[in-house]
């Protein structure tokens, strides 16, 4: 039986792909390469904001995928 806590709405993935400008296509090696390159180019690695939010707002959890994607697109 699938764990309900692990289910993610497909619209999150569609939003993520739209941010990366990657079309929804059948997964293969080339698609994975495009996805990886787009993510590395468009989504900066950072962790300072998590420390800032912890200090300023008392954030003491890891943001959900939806919160992360929404924050990235902002």
C-alpha atoms as a PDB file:
ATOM      1  CA  UNK A   1       0.000   0.000   0.000  1.00  0.00           C
ATOM      2  CA  UNK A   2       1.514   3.382  -1.013  1.00  0.00           C
ATOM      3  CA  UNK A   3       2.365   5.845   1.742  1.00  0.00           C
ATOM      4  CA  UNK A   4       0.062   8.890   1.436  1.00  0.00           C
ATOM      5  CA  UNK A   5       2.825  11.106   2.864  1.00  0.00           C
ATOM      6  CA  UNK A   6       5.033  10.320  -0.142  1.00  0.00           C
ATOM      7  CA  UNK A   7       2.453  11.265  -2.769  1.00  0.00           C
ATOM      8  CA  UNK A   8       3.161  14.490  -4.672  1.00  0.00           C
ATOM      9  CA  UNK A   9       0.688  16.247  -6.922  1.00  0.00           C
ATOM     10  CA  UNK A  10       1.815  15.987 -10.563  1.00  0.00           C
ATOM     11  CA  UNK A  11       1.236  19.721 -11.001  1.00  0.00           C
ATOM     12  CA  UNK A  12       4.374  20.276  -8.887  1.00  0.00           C
ATOM     13  CA  UNK A  13       6.450  18.330 -11.404  1.00  0.00           C
ATOM     14  CA  UNK A  14       4.828  20.176 -14.298  1.00  0.00           C
ATOM     15  CA  UNK A  15       5.608  23.519 -12.637  1.00  0.00           C
ATOM     16  CA  UNK A  16       9.199  22.414 -12.021  1.00  0.00           C
ATOM     17  CA  UNK A  17       9.641  21.383 -15.658  1.00  0.00           C
ATOM     18  CA  UNK A  18       8.107  24.673 -16.810  1.00  0.00           C
ATOM     19  CA  UNK A  19      10.586  26.625 -14.643  1.00  0.00           C
ATOM     20  CA  UNK A  20      13.405  24.614 -16.231  1.00  0.00           C
ATOM     21  CA  UNK A  21      11.909  24.997 -19.713  1.00  0.00           C
ATOM     22  CA  UNK A  22      11.962  21.217 -20.159  1.00  0.00           C
ATOM     23  CA  UNK A  23       9.017  19.605 -21.981  1.00  0.00           C
ATOM     24  CA  UNK A  24       7.116  16.651 -20.586  1.00  0.00           C
ATOM     25  CA  UNK A  25       8.426  13.755 -22.666  1.00  0.00           C
ATOM     26  CA  UNK A  26       9.171  10.077 -22.283  1.00  0.00           C
ATOM     27  CA  UNK A  27      12.165   9.736 -19.942  1.00  0.00           C
ATOM     28  CA  UNK A  28      15.426   8.679 -21.514  1.00  0.00           C
ATOM     29  CA  UNK A  29      19.133   9.447 -21.224  1.00  0.00           C
ATOM     30  CA  UNK A  30      18.950  12.644 -23.297  1.00  0.00           C
ATOM     31  CA  UNK A  31      15.979  13.939 -21.308  1.00  0.00           C
ATOM     32  CA  UNK A  32      17.810  13.287 -18.044  1.00  0.00           C
ATOM     33  CA  UNK A  33      20.825  15.153 -19.397  1.00  0.00           C
ATOM     34  CA  UNK A  34      18.652  18.122 -20.420  1.00  0.00           C
ATOM     35  CA  UNK A  35      16.870  18.118 -17.061  1.00  0.00           C
ATOM     36  CA  UNK A  36      20.146  17.977 -15.123  1.00  0.00           C
ATOM     37  CA  UNK A  37      21.759  20.736 -17.181  1.00  0.00           C
ATOM     38  CA  UNK A  38      18.708  22.976 -16.873  1.00  0.00           C
ATOM     39  CA  UNK A  39      18.505  22.456 -13.115  1.00  0.00           C
ATOM     40  CA  UNK A  40      22.212  23.207 -12.616  1.00  0.00           C
ATOM     41  CA  UNK A  41      21.934  26.313 -14.793  1.00  0.00           C
ATOM     42  CA  UNK A  42      18.658  27.760 -13.514  1.00  0.00           C
ATOM     43  CA  UNK A  43      18.361  26.648  -9.868  1.00  0.00           C
ATOM     44  CA  UNK A  44      21.179  28.017  -7.749  1.00  0.00           C
ATOM     45  CA  UNK A  45      22.528  25.858  -4.966  1.00  0.00           C
ATOM     46  CA  UNK A  46      22.185  27.770  -1.768  1.00  0.00           C
ATOM     47  CA  UNK A  47      21.503  27.137   1.855  1.00  0.00           C
ATOM     48  CA  UNK A  48      21.901  30.618   3.320  1.00  0.00           C
ATOM     49  CA  UNK A  49      18.184  31.372   2.996  1.00  0.00           C
ATOM     50  CA  UNK A  50      17.380  28.336   5.161  1.00  0.00           C
ATOM     51  CA  UNK A  51      19.698  29.652   7.892  1.00  0.00           C
ATOM     52  CA  UNK A  52      18.214  33.152   7.507  1.00  0.00           C
ATOM     53  CA  UNK A  53      14.628  31.867   7.732  1.00  0.00           C
ATOM     54  CA  UNK A  54      15.566  29.801  10.768  1.00  0.00           C
ATOM     55  CA  UNK A  55      17.017  32.850  12.545  1.00  0.00           C
ATOM     56  CA  UNK A  56      14.333  35.361  11.458  1.00  0.00           C
ATOM     57  CA  UNK A  57      11.174  33.235  11.469  1.00  0.00           C
ATOM     58  CA  UNK A  58      12.109  30.192  13.539  1.00  0.00           C
ATOM     59  CA  UNK A  59      11.884  27.854  10.531  1.00  0.00           C
ATOM     60  CA  UNK A  60      12.825  24.469  11.926  1.00  0.00           C
ATOM     61  CA  UNK A  61      11.803  22.125   9.131  1.00  0.00           C
ATOM     62  CA  UNK A  62      12.805  21.282   5.587  1.00  0.00           C
ATOM     63  CA  UNK A  63      10.445  23.006   3.128  1.00  0.00           C
ATOM     64  CA  UNK A  64       8.137  20.776   1.110  1.00  0.00           C
ATOM     65  CA  UNK A  65       8.781  20.275  -2.584  1.00  0.00           C
ATOM     66  CA  UNK A  66       5.930  22.698  -3.336  1.00  0.00           C
ATOM     67  CA  UNK A  67       7.369  25.370  -1.013  1.00  0.00           C
ATOM     68  CA  UNK A  68      10.815  24.945  -2.532  1.00  0.00           C
ATOM     69  CA  UNK A  69       9.626  25.141  -6.130  1.00  0.00           C
ATOM     70  CA  UNK A  70       7.356  28.111  -5.376  1.00  0.00           C
ATOM     71  CA  UNK A  71      10.227  29.897  -3.608  1.00  0.00           C
ATOM     72  CA  UNK A  72      12.587  29.173  -6.493  1.00  0.00           C
ATOM     73  CA  UNK A  73      10.243  30.645  -9.083  1.00  0.00           C
ATOM     74  CA  UNK A  74       9.660  33.812  -7.073  1.00  0.00           C
END
